[in-house]
Amino acid sequence: MCIGIPMQVMEPEGTGGAWCVGRDGRQLLDMTLVGPQPPGTWVLAFVGAAREVMTPESAAQTDAAIDALAAALRGDTAAIDHAFADLVNREPQLPEHLRPAGVPK
């Protein structure tokens, strides 16, 4: 299984690459799938490649979710609600494209 990690673009490198910084340090990412991005842009990185451009808020939410996963794996479940605040106290819903035809939102 592969987990996407938010990384922030620091500087372009050659054609199709960029140095980025994230929770695991600095890494040269392949930017082919997202195109050239200016410094400061957040991207979701999988196995050395940027797969999508993220908002700063989405990057922070993803980092919080990864932190919560690591805490849960250590047996510490106290921070899970905080990390998934957007999901607490609401009924889960399928994305529009996965809902059967005719089912209301």
PDB file of N, CA and C in Angstrom:
ATOM      1  N   MET A   1       0.844  -1.168   0.000  1.00  0.00           N
ATOM      2  CA  MET A   1       0.000   0.000   0.000  1.00  0.00           C
ATOM      3  C   MET A   1       0.890   1.233   0.000  1.00  0.00           C
ATOM      4  N   CYS A   2       0.437   2.252  -0.678  1.00  0.00           N
ATOM      5  CA  CYS A   2       1.188   3.497  -0.798  1.00  0.00           C
ATOM      6  C   CYS A   2       0.337   4.634  -0.244  1.00  0.00           C
ATOM      7  N   ILE A   3       0.950   5.487   0.558  1.00  0.00           N
ATOM      8  CA  ILE A   3       0.238   6.630   1.123  1.00  0.00           C
ATOM      9  C   ILE A   3       0.818   7.891   0.509  1.00  0.00           C
ATOM     10  N   GLY A   4      -0.066   8.755  -0.003  1.00  0.00           N
ATOM     11  CA  GLY A   4       0.364  10.030  -0.557  1.00  0.00           C
ATOM     12  C   GLY A   4       0.769  10.978   0.560  1.00  0.00           C
ATOM     13  N   ILE A   5       1.839  11.708   0.339  1.00  0.00           N
ATOM     14  CA  ILE A   5       2.381  12.631   1.321  1.00  0.00           C
ATOM     15  C   ILE A   5       2.350  14.048   0.741  1.00  0.00           C
ATOM     16  N   PRO A   6       1.762  15.006   1.447  1.00  0.00           N
ATOM     17  CA  PRO A   6       1.811  16.392   0.970  1.00  0.00           C
ATOM     18  C   PRO A   6       3.247  16.923   1.014  1.00  0.00           C
ATOM     19  N   MET A   7       3.640  17.584  -0.053  1.00  0.00           N
ATOM     20  CA  MET A   7       4.965  18.194  -0.122  1.00  0.00           C
ATOM     21  C   MET A   7       4.823  19.562  -0.779  1.00  0.00           C
ATOM     22  N   GLN A   8       5.663  20.498  -0.349  1.00  0.00           N
ATOM     23  CA  GLN A   8       5.618  21.844  -0.894  1.00  0.00           C
ATOM     24  C   GLN A   8       6.785  22.057  -1.846  1.00  0.00           C
ATOM     25  N   VAL A   9       6.463  22.590  -3.025  1.00  0.00           N
ATOM     26  CA  VAL A   9       7.484  22.857  -4.044  1.00  0.00           C
ATOM     27  C   VAL A   9       8.402  23.965  -3.537  1.00  0.00           C
ATOM     28  N   MET A  10       9.719  23.722  -3.618  1.00  0.00           N
ATOM     29  CA  MET A  10      10.699  24.724  -3.200  1.00  0.00           C
ATOM     30  C   MET A  10      11.388  25.360  -4.409  1.00  0.00           C
ATOM     31  N   GLU A  11      11.818  24.506  -5.368  1.00  0.00           N
ATOM     32  CA  GLU A  11      12.493  25.051  -6.552  1.00  0.00           C
ATOM     33  C   GLU A  11      12.442  24.041  -7.697  1.00  0.00           C
ATOM     34  N   PRO A  12      12.232  24.542  -8.931  1.00  0.00           N
ATOM     35  CA  PRO A  12      12.245  23.658 -10.090  1.00  0.00           C
ATOM     36  C   PRO A  12      13.644  23.088 -10.316  1.00  0.00           C
ATOM     37  N   GLU A  13      13.681  21.912 -10.901  1.00  0.00           N
ATOM     38  CA  GLU A  13      14.964  21.255 -11.195  1.00  0.00           C
ATOM     39  C   GLU A  13      14.892  20.660 -12.593  1.00  0.00           C
ATOM     40  N   GLY A  14      15.647  21.244 -13.508  1.00  0.00           N
ATOM     41  CA  GLY A  14      15.675  20.716 -14.867  1.00  0.00           C
ATOM     42  C   GLY A  14      14.303  20.777 -15.521  1.00  0.00           C
ATOM     43  N   THR A  15      14.066  19.833 -16.406  1.00  0.00           N
ATOM     44  CA  THR A  15      12.767  19.773 -17.072  1.00  0.00           C
ATOM     45  C   THR A  15      11.947  18.655 -16.445  1.00  0.00           C
ATOM     46  N   GLY A  16      10.844  19.017 -15.842  1.00  0.00           N
ATOM     47  CA  GLY A  16       9.946  18.002 -15.296  1.00  0.00           C
ATOM     48  C   GLY A  16      10.193  17.595 -13.868  1.00  0.00           C
ATOM     49  N   GLY A  17      11.042  18.294 -13.151  1.00  0.00           N
ATOM     50  CA  GLY A  17      11.301  17.943 -11.762  1.00  0.00           C
ATOM     51  C   GLY A  17      11.239  19.161 -10.867  1.00  0.00           C
ATOM     52  N   ALA A  18      11.150  18.932  -9.564  1.00  0.00           N
ATOM     53  CA  ALA A  18      11.189  20.030  -8.593  1.00  0.00           C
ATOM     54  C   ALA A  18      11.635  19.485  -7.245  1.00  0.00           C
ATOM     55  N   TRP A  19      12.421  20.286  -6.537  1.00  0.00           N
ATOM     56  CA  TRP A  19      12.777  19.955  -5.164  1.00  0.00           C
ATOM     57  C   TRP A  19      11.610  20.363  -4.283  1.00  0.00           C
ATOM     58  N   CYS A  20      11.164  19.432  -3.455  1.00  0.00           N
ATOM     59  CA  CYS A  20      10.011  19.655  -2.585  1.00  0.00           C
ATOM     60  C   CYS A  20      10.360  19.263  -1.160  1.00  0.00           C
ATOM     61  N   VAL A  21       9.637  19.834  -0.199  1.00  0.00           N
ATOM     62  CA  VAL A  21       9.862  19.540   1.208  1.00  0.00           C
ATOM     63  C   VAL A  21       8.553  19.065   1.819  1.00  0.00           C
ATOM     64  N   GLY A  22       8.649  18.014   2.633  1.00  0.00           N
ATOM     65  CA  GLY A  22       7.481  17.472   3.321  1.00  0.00           C
ATOM     66  C   GLY A  22       7.899  16.872   4.642  1.00  0.00           C
ATOM     67  N   ARG A  23       7.022  16.089   5.215  1.00  0.00           N
ATOM     68  CA  ARG A  23       7.246  15.523   6.547  1.00  0.00           C
ATOM     69  C   ARG A  23       8.492  14.649   6.646  1.00  0.00           C
ATOM     70  N   ASP A  24       8.952  14.110   5.526  1.00  0.00           N
ATOM     71  CA  ASP A  24      10.142  13.253   5.543  1.00  0.00           C
ATOM     72  C   ASP A  24      11.381  13.944   4.998  1.00  0.00           C
ATOM     73  N   GLY A  25      11.329  15.270   4.873  1.00  0.00           N
ATOM     74  CA  GLY A  25      12.488  16.013   4.399  1.00  0.00           C
ATOM     75  C   GLY A  25      12.363  16.467   2.960  1.00  0.00           C
ATOM     76  N   ARG A  26      13.502  16.716   2.366  1.00  0.00           N
ATOM     77  CA  ARG A  26      13.577  17.246   1.008  1.00  0.00           C
ATOM     78  C   ARG A  26      13.711  16.102   0.010  1.00  0.00           C
ATOM     79  N   GLN A  27      13.009  16.248  -1.122  1.00  0.00           N
ATOM     80  CA  GLN A  27      13.028  15.187  -2.132  1.00  0.00           C
ATOM     81  C   GLN A  27      12.837  15.792  -3.515  1.00  0.00           C
ATOM     82  N   LEU A  28      13.515  15.215  -4.489  1.00  0.00           N
ATOM     83  CA  LEU A  28      13.319  15.605  -5.882  1.00  0.00           C
ATOM     84  C   LEU A  28      12.138  14.807  -6.425  1.00  0.00           C
ATOM     85  N   LEU A  29      11.081  15.518  -6.833  1.00  0.00           N
ATOM     86  CA  LEU A  29       9.878  14.855  -7.355  1.00  0.00           C
ATOM     87  C   LEU A  29       9.780  15.006  -8.863  1.00  0.00           C
ATOM     88  N   ASP A  30       9.260  13.992  -9.503  1.00  0.00           N
ATOM     89  CA  ASP A  30       8.894  14.042 -10.911  1.00  0.00           C
ATOM     90  C   ASP A  30       7.578  14.815 -10.985  1.00  0.00           C
ATOM     91  N   MET A  31       7.536  15.890 -11.754  1.00  0.00           N
ATOM     92  CA  MET A  31       6.353  16.755 -11.838  1.00  0.00           C
ATOM     93  C   MET A  31       5.575  16.547 -13.138  1.00  0.00           C
ATOM     94  N   THR A  32       5.889  15.492 -13.868  1.00  0.00           N
ATOM     95  CA  THR A  32       5.282  15.259 -15.172  1.00  0.00           C
ATOM     96  C   THR A  32       3.753  15.257 -15.126  1.00  0.00           C
ATOM     97  N   LEU A  33       3.156  14.628 -14.126  1.00  0.00           N
ATOM     98  CA  LEU A  33       1.696  14.508 -14.072  1.00  0.00           C
ATOM     99  C   LEU A  33       0.979  15.803 -13.710  1.00  0.00           C
ATOM    100  N   VAL A  34       1.657  16.713 -13.030  1.00  0.00           N
ATOM    101  CA  VAL A  34       1.014  17.966 -12.619  1.00  0.00           C
ATOM    102  C   VAL A  34       1.565  19.182 -13.356  1.00  0.00           C
ATOM    103  N   GLY A  35       2.634  18.990 -14.103  1.00  0.00           N
ATOM    104  CA  GLY A  35       3.242  20.098 -14.823  1.00  0.00           C
ATOM    105  C   GLY A  35       4.090  20.960 -13.899  1.00  0.00           C
ATOM    106  N   PRO A  36       4.788  21.923 -14.473  1.00  0.00           N
ATOM    107  CA  PRO A  36       5.622  22.803 -13.665  1.00  0.00           C
ATOM    108  C   PRO A  36       4.751  23.562 -12.657  1.00  0.00           C
ATOM    109  N   GLN A  37       5.230  23.679 -11.435  1.00  0.00           N
ATOM    110  CA  GLN A  37       4.498  24.394 -10.387  1.00  0.00           C
ATOM    111  C   GLN A  37       5.428  25.413  -9.749  1.00  0.00           C
ATOM    112  N   PRO A  38       4.886  26.572  -9.403  1.00  0.00           N
ATOM    113  CA  PRO A  38       5.736  27.593  -8.773  1.00  0.00           C
ATOM    114  C   PRO A  38       6.069  27.227  -7.330  1.00  0.00           C
ATOM    115  N   PRO A  39       7.170  27.770  -6.812  1.00  0.00           N
ATOM    116  CA  PRO A  39       7.498  27.541  -5.407  1.00  0.00           C
ATOM    117  C   PRO A  39       6.328  27.940  -4.514  1.00  0.00           C
ATOM    118  N   GLY A  40       6.132  27.136  -3.466  1.00  0.00           N
ATOM    119  CA  GLY A  40       5.032  27.380  -2.539  1.00  0.00           C
ATOM    120  C   GLY A  40       3.817  26.510  -2.799  1.00  0.00           C
ATOM    121  N   THR A  41       3.730  25.923  -3.992  1.00  0.00           N
ATOM    122  CA  THR A  41       2.601  25.054  -4.337  1.00  0.00           C
ATOM    123  C   THR A  41       2.695  23.752  -3.560  1.00  0.00           C
ATOM    124  N   TRP A  42       1.550  23.259  -3.081  1.00  0.00           N
ATOM    125  CA  TRP A  42       1.488  21.960  -2.405  1.00  0.00           C
ATOM    126  C   TRP A  42       1.075  20.895  -3.401  1.00  0.00           C
ATOM    127  N   VAL A  43       1.748  19.752  -3.348  1.00  0.00           N
ATOM    128  CA  VAL A  43       1.412  18.615  -4.203  1.00  0.00           C
ATOM    129  C   VAL A  43       1.304  17.354  -3.342  1.00  0.00           C
ATOM    130  N   LEU A  44       0.557  16.384  -3.833  1.00  0.00           N
ATOM    131  CA  LEU A  44       0.458  15.084  -3.182  1.00  0.00           C
ATOM    132  C   LEU A  44       1.437  14.154  -3.883  1.00  0.00           C
ATOM    133  N   ALA A  45       2.417  13.645  -3.130  1.00  0.00           N
ATOM    134  CA  ALA A  45       3.492  12.838  -3.713  1.00  0.00           C
ATOM    135  C   ALA A  45       3.322  11.362  -3.389  1.00  0.00           C
ATOM    136  N   PHE A  46       3.495  10.529  -4.407  1.00  0.00           N
ATOM    137  CA  PHE A  46       3.504   9.070  -4.277  1.00  0.00           C
ATOM    138  C   PHE A  46       4.759   8.566  -4.971  1.00  0.00           C
ATOM    139  N   VAL A  47       5.572   7.818  -4.269  1.00  0.00           N
ATOM    140  CA  VAL A  47       6.722   7.133  -4.842  1.00  0.00           C
ATOM    141  C   VAL A  47       7.537   8.040  -5.778  1.00  0.00           C
ATOM    142  N   GLY A  48       7.914   9.210  -5.271  1.00  0.00           N
ATOM    143  CA  GLY A  48       8.798  10.088  -6.013  1.00  0.00           C
ATOM    144  C   GLY A  48       8.171  10.917  -7.106  1.00  0.00           C
ATOM    145  N   ALA A  49       6.841  10.925  -7.199  1.00  0.00           N
ATOM    146  CA  ALA A  49       6.173  11.709  -8.234  1.00  0.00           C
ATOM    147  C   ALA A  49       5.011  12.493  -7.642  1.00  0.00           C
ATOM    148  N   ALA A  50       4.845  13.730  -8.097  1.00  0.00           N
ATOM    149  CA  ALA A  50       3.685  14.533  -7.709  1.00  0.00           C
ATOM    150  C   ALA A  50       2.490  14.033  -8.513  1.00  0.00           C
ATOM    151  N   ARG A  51       1.404  13.702  -7.823  1.00  0.00           N
ATOM    152  CA  ARG A  51       0.229  13.147  -8.511  1.00  0.00           C
ATOM    153  C   ARG A  51      -0.907  14.145  -8.644  1.00  0.00           C
ATOM    154  N   GLU A  52      -0.964  15.148  -7.741  1.00  0.00           N
ATOM    155  CA  GLU A  52      -1.994  16.177  -7.861  1.00  0.00           C
ATOM    156  C   GLU A  52      -1.565  17.419  -7.101  1.00  0.00           C
ATOM    157  N   VAL A  53      -2.106  18.558  -7.516  1.00  0.00           N
ATOM    158  CA  VAL A  53      -1.875  19.817  -6.828  1.00  0.00           C
ATOM    159  C   VAL A  53      -2.916  19.916  -5.718  1.00  0.00           C
ATOM    160  N   MET A  54      -2.484  20.391  -4.545  1.00  0.00           N
ATOM    161  CA  MET A  54      -3.361  20.483  -3.372  1.00  0.00           C
ATOM    162  C   MET A  54      -3.459  21.933  -2.899  1.00  0.00           C
ATOM    163  N   THR A  55      -4.539  22.236  -2.206  1.00  0.00           N
ATOM    164  CA  THR A  55      -4.627  23.515  -1.517  1.00  0.00           C
ATOM    165  C   THR A  55      -3.829  23.387  -0.214  1.00  0.00           C
ATOM    166  N   PRO A  56      -3.398  24.496   0.357  1.00  0.00           N
ATOM    167  CA  PRO A  56      -2.711  24.413   1.651  1.00  0.00           C
ATOM    168  C   PRO A  56      -3.589  23.763   2.730  1.00  0.00           C
ATOM    169  N   GLU A  57      -4.890  24.019   2.685  1.00  0.00           N
ATOM    170  CA  GLU A  57      -5.810  23.429   3.655  1.00  0.00           C
ATOM    171  C   GLU A  57      -5.902  21.911   3.490  1.00  0.00           C
ATOM    172  N   SER A  58      -5.975  21.468   2.250  1.00  0.00           N
ATOM    173  CA  SER A  58      -6.036  20.037   1.983  1.00  0.00           C
ATOM    174  C   SER A  58      -4.735  19.346   2.401  1.00  0.00           C
ATOM    175  N   ALA A  59      -3.615  20.011   2.172  1.00  0.00           N
ATOM    176  CA  ALA A  59      -2.324  19.457   2.590  1.00  0.00           C
ATOM    177  C   ALA A  59      -2.274  19.322   4.113  1.00  0.00           C
ATOM    178  N   ALA A  60      -2.768  20.338   4.832  1.00  0.00           N
ATOM    179  CA  ALA A  60      -2.775  20.290   6.300  1.00  0.00           C
ATOM    180  C   ALA A  60      -3.697  19.182   6.806  1.00  0.00           C
ATOM    181  N   GLN A  61      -4.866  19.017   6.177  1.00  0.00           N
ATOM    182  CA  GLN A  61      -5.790  17.944   6.573  1.00  0.00           C
ATOM    183  C   GLN A  61      -5.163  16.575   6.333  1.00  0.00           C
ATOM    184  N   THR A  62      -4.488  16.414   5.216  1.00  0.00           N
ATOM    185  CA  THR A  62      -3.853  15.136   4.901  1.00  0.00           C
ATOM    186  C   THR A  62      -2.726  14.836   5.883  1.00  0.00           C
ATOM    187  N   ASP A  63      -1.924  15.847   6.205  1.00  0.00           N
ATOM    188  CA  ASP A  63      -0.864  15.645   7.204  1.00  0.00           C
ATOM    189  C   ASP A  63      -1.457  15.264   8.564  1.00  0.00           C
ATOM    190  N   ALA A  64      -2.566  15.916   8.949  1.00  0.00           N
ATOM    191  CA  ALA A  64      -3.215  15.589  10.227  1.00  0.00           C
ATOM    192  C   ALA A  64      -3.726  14.149  10.219  1.00  0.00           C
ATOM    193  N   ALA A  65      -4.273  13.705   9.097  1.00  0.00           N
ATOM    194  CA  ALA A  65      -4.768  12.334   8.993  1.00  0.00           C
ATOM    195  C   ALA A  65      -3.618  11.328   9.099  1.00  0.00           C
ATOM    196  N   ILE A  66      -2.481  11.643   8.491  1.00  0.00           N
ATOM    197  CA  ILE A  66      -1.307  10.757   8.582  1.00  0.00           C
ATOM    198  C   ILE A  66      -0.795  10.712  10.023  1.00  0.00           C
ATOM    199  N   ASP A  67      -0.789  11.870  10.694  1.00  0.00           N
ATOM    200  CA  ASP A  67      -0.394  11.903  12.110  1.00  0.00           C
ATOM    201  C   ASP A  67      -1.323  11.038  12.950  1.00  0.00           C
ATOM    202  N   ALA A  68      -2.632  11.129  12.684  1.00  0.00           N
ATOM    203  CA  ALA A  68      -3.610  10.331  13.438  1.00  0.00           C
ATOM    204  C   ALA A  68      -3.423   8.844  13.177  1.00  0.00           C
ATOM    205  N   LEU A  69      -3.137   8.482  11.948  1.00  0.00           N
ATOM    206  CA  LEU A  69      -2.886   7.080  11.619  1.00  0.00           C
ATOM    207  C   LEU A  69      -1.669   6.563  12.383  1.00  0.00           C
ATOM    208  N   ALA A  70      -0.596   7.353  12.399  1.00  0.00           N
ATOM    209  CA  ALA A  70       0.608   6.946  13.134  1.00  0.00           C
ATOM    210  C   ALA A  70       0.307   6.802  14.626  1.00  0.00           C
ATOM    211  N   ALA A  71      -0.480   7.733  15.182  1.00  0.00           N
ATOM    212  CA  ALA A  71      -0.841   7.657  16.606  1.00  0.00           C
ATOM    213  C   ALA A  71      -1.681   6.415  16.884  1.00  0.00           C
ATOM    214  N   ALA A  72      -2.637   6.128  16.012  1.00  0.00           N
ATOM    215  CA  ALA A  72      -3.484   4.944  16.198  1.00  0.00           C
ATOM    216  C   ALA A  72      -2.655   3.662  16.140  1.00  0.00           C
ATOM    217  N   LEU A  73      -1.671   3.634  15.252  1.00  0.00           N
ATOM    218  CA  LEU A  73      -0.805   2.459  15.164  1.00  0.00           C
ATOM    219  C   LEU A  73       0.032   2.271  16.428  1.00  0.00           C
ATOM    220  N   ARG A  74       0.285   3.371  17.136  1.00  0.00           N
ATOM    221  CA  ARG A  74       0.995   3.292  18.421  1.00  0.00           C
ATOM    222  C   ARG A  74       0.040   2.981  19.572  1.00  0.00           C
ATOM    223  N   GLY A  75      -1.269   2.943  19.287  1.00  0.00           N
ATOM    224  CA  GLY A  75      -2.262   2.678  20.320  1.00  0.00           C
ATOM    225  C   GLY A  75      -2.831   3.926  20.956  1.00  0.00           C
ATOM    226  N   ASP A  76      -2.453   5.097  20.476  1.00  0.00           N
ATOM    227  CA  ASP A  76      -2.937   6.369  21.002  1.00  0.00           C
ATOM    228  C   ASP A  76      -4.072   6.865  20.116  1.00  0.00           C
ATOM    229  N   THR A  77      -5.309   6.703  20.569  1.00  0.00           N
ATOM    230  CA  THR A  77      -6.462   7.097  19.752  1.00  0.00           C
ATOM    231  C   THR A  77      -7.076   8.428  20.186  1.00  0.00           C
ATOM    232  N   ALA A  78      -6.458   9.118  21.124  1.00  0.00           N
ATOM    233  CA  ALA A  78      -7.016  10.361  21.666  1.00  0.00           C
ATOM    234  C   ALA A  78      -7.143  11.470  20.622  1.00  0.00           C
ATOM    235  N   ALA A  79      -6.254  11.542  19.667  1.00  0.00           N
ATOM    236  CA  ALA A  79      -6.256  12.658  18.717  1.00  0.00           C
ATOM    237  C   ALA A  79      -6.996  12.362  17.416  1.00  0.00           C
ATOM    238  N   ILE A  80      -7.614  11.220  17.324  1.00  0.00           N
ATOM    239  CA  ILE A  80      -8.246  10.856  16.052  1.00  0.00           C
ATOM    240  C   ILE A  80      -9.383  11.799  15.686  1.00  0.00           C
ATOM    241  N   ASP A  81     -10.264  12.125  16.631  1.00  0.00           N
ATOM    242  CA  ASP A  81     -11.375  13.025  16.321  1.00  0.00           C
ATOM    243  C   ASP A  81     -10.877  14.376  15.830  1.00  0.00           C
ATOM    244  N   HIS A  82      -9.815  14.894  16.447  1.00  0.00           N
ATOM    245  CA  HIS A  82      -9.265  16.185  16.027  1.00  0.00           C
ATOM    246  C   HIS A  82      -8.759  16.114  14.579  1.00  0.00           C
ATOM    247  N   ALA A  83      -8.101  15.045  14.233  1.00  0.00           N
ATOM    248  CA  ALA A  83      -7.526  14.911  12.890  1.00  0.00           C
ATOM    249  C   ALA A  83      -8.589  14.721  11.816  1.00  0.00           C
ATOM    250  N   PHE A  84      -9.732  14.178  12.216  1.00  0.00           N
ATOM    251  CA  PHE A  84     -10.811  13.933  11.258  1.00  0.00           C
ATOM    252  C   PHE A  84     -12.046  14.745  11.626  1.00  0.00           C
ATOM    253  N   ALA A  85     -11.829  15.994  12.048  1.00  0.00           N
ATOM    254  CA  ALA A  85     -12.930  16.848  12.514  1.00  0.00           C
ATOM    255  C   ALA A  85     -14.016  17.021  11.457  1.00  0.00           C
ATOM    256  N   ASP A  86     -13.645  16.968  10.188  1.00  0.00           N
ATOM    257  CA  ASP A  86     -14.639  17.125   9.129  1.00  0.00           C
ATOM    258  C   ASP A  86     -15.553  15.910   8.996  1.00  0.00           C
ATOM    259  N   LEU A  87     -15.222  14.802   9.649  1.00  0.00           N
ATOM    260  CA  LEU A  87     -16.029  13.582   9.554  1.00  0.00           C
ATOM    261  C   LEU A  87     -16.799  13.261  10.838  1.00  0.00           C
ATOM    262  N   VAL A  88     -16.442  13.930  11.931  1.00  0.00           N
ATOM    263  CA  VAL A  88     -17.054  13.644  13.223  1.00  0.00           C
ATOM    264  C   VAL A  88     -18.487  14.172  13.246  1.00  0.00           C
ATOM    265  N   ASN A  89     -19.369  13.397  13.850  1.00  0.00           N
ATOM    266  CA  ASN A  89     -20.778  13.780  14.045  1.00  0.00           C
ATOM    267  C   ASN A  89     -21.540  14.020  12.750  1.00  0.00           C
ATOM    268  N   ARG A  90     -21.243  13.258  11.738  1.00  0.00           N
ATOM    269  CA  ARG A  90     -22.053  13.331  10.517  1.00  0.00           C
ATOM    270  C   ARG A  90     -22.130  11.948   9.890  1.00  0.00           C
ATOM    271  N   GLU A  91     -23.153  11.743   9.149  1.00  0.00           N
ATOM    272  CA  GLU A  91     -23.375  10.476   8.474  1.00  0.00           C
ATOM    273  C   GLU A  91     -22.465  10.384   7.251  1.00  0.00           C
ATOM    274  N   PRO A  92     -21.737   9.277   7.078  1.00  0.00           N
ATOM    275  CA  PRO A  92     -20.885   9.150   5.894  1.00  0.00           C
ATOM    276  C   PRO A  92     -21.727   9.161   4.620  1.00  0.00           C
ATOM    277  N   GLN A  93     -21.171   9.754   3.560  1.00  0.00           N
ATOM    278  CA  GLN A  93     -21.878   9.811   2.282  1.00  0.00           C
ATOM    279  C   GLN A  93     -20.930   9.430   1.157  1.00  0.00           C
ATOM    280  N   LEU A  94     -21.476   8.707   0.207  1.00  0.00           N
ATOM    281  CA  LEU A  94     -20.687   8.343  -0.970  1.00  0.00           C
ATOM    282  C   LEU A  94     -20.500   9.567  -1.863  1.00  0.00           C
ATOM    283  N   PRO A  95     -19.379   9.649  -2.567  1.00  0.00           N
ATOM    284  CA  PRO A  95     -19.221  10.718  -3.556  1.00  0.00           C
ATOM    285  C   PRO A  95     -20.296  10.570  -4.633  1.00  0.00           C
ATOM    286  N   GLU A  96     -20.641  11.660  -5.251  1.00  0.00           N
ATOM    287  CA  GLU A  96     -21.699  11.700  -6.270  1.00  0.00           C
ATOM    288  C   GLU A  96     -21.545  10.596  -7.315  1.00  0.00           C
ATOM    289  N   HIS A  97     -20.319  10.368  -7.809  1.00  0.00           N
ATOM    290  CA  HIS A  97     -20.115   9.404  -8.896  1.00  0.00           C
ATOM    291  C   HIS A  97     -20.290   7.947  -8.446  1.00  0.00           C
ATOM    292  N   LEU A  98     -20.364   7.680  -7.129  1.00  0.00           N
ATOM    293  CA  LEU A  98     -20.550   6.315  -6.632  1.00  0.00           C
ATOM    294  C   LEU A  98     -21.989   6.048  -6.169  1.00  0.00           C
ATOM    295  N   ARG A  99     -22.817   7.085  -6.155  1.00  0.00           N
ATOM    296  CA  ARG A  99     -24.197   6.903  -5.725  1.00  0.00           C
ATOM    297  C   ARG A  99     -25.030   6.258  -6.828  1.00  0.00           C
ATOM    298  N   PRO A 100     -25.920   5.343  -6.439  1.00  0.00           N
ATOM    299  CA  PRO A 100     -26.823   4.774  -7.454  1.00  0.00           C
ATOM    300  C   PRO A 100     -27.724   5.858  -8.038  1.00  0.00           C
ATOM    301  N   ALA A 101     -28.095   5.710  -9.279  1.00  0.00           N
ATOM    302  CA  ALA A 101     -28.968   6.696  -9.944  1.00  0.00           C
ATOM    303  C   ALA A 101     -30.280   6.811  -9.167  1.00  0.00           C
ATOM    304  N   GLY A 102     -30.726   8.058  -9.002  1.00  0.00           N
ATOM    305  CA  GLY A 102     -32.007   8.306  -8.346  1.00  0.00           C
ATOM    306  C   GLY A 102     -31.943   8.412  -6.833  1.00  0.00           C
ATOM    307  N   VAL A 103     -30.779   8.197  -6.219  1.00  0.00           N
ATOM    308  CA  VAL A 103     -30.668   8.305  -4.766  1.00  0.00           C
ATOM    309  C   VAL A 103     -30.353   9.757  -4.413  1.00  0.00           C
ATOM    310  N   PRO A 104     -31.183  10.366  -3.548  1.00  0.00           N
ATOM    311  CA  PRO A 104     -30.927  11.778  -3.197  1.00  0.00           C
ATOM    312  C   PRO A 104     -29.634  11.955  -2.413  1.00  0.00           C
ATOM    313  N   LYS A 105     -29.164  13.179  -2.409  1.00  0.00           N
ATOM    314  CA  LYS A 105     -27.922  13.515  -1.693  1.00  0.00           C
ATOM    315  C   LYS A 105     -28.090  13.418  -0.218  1.00  0.00           C
TER     316      LYS A 105
END
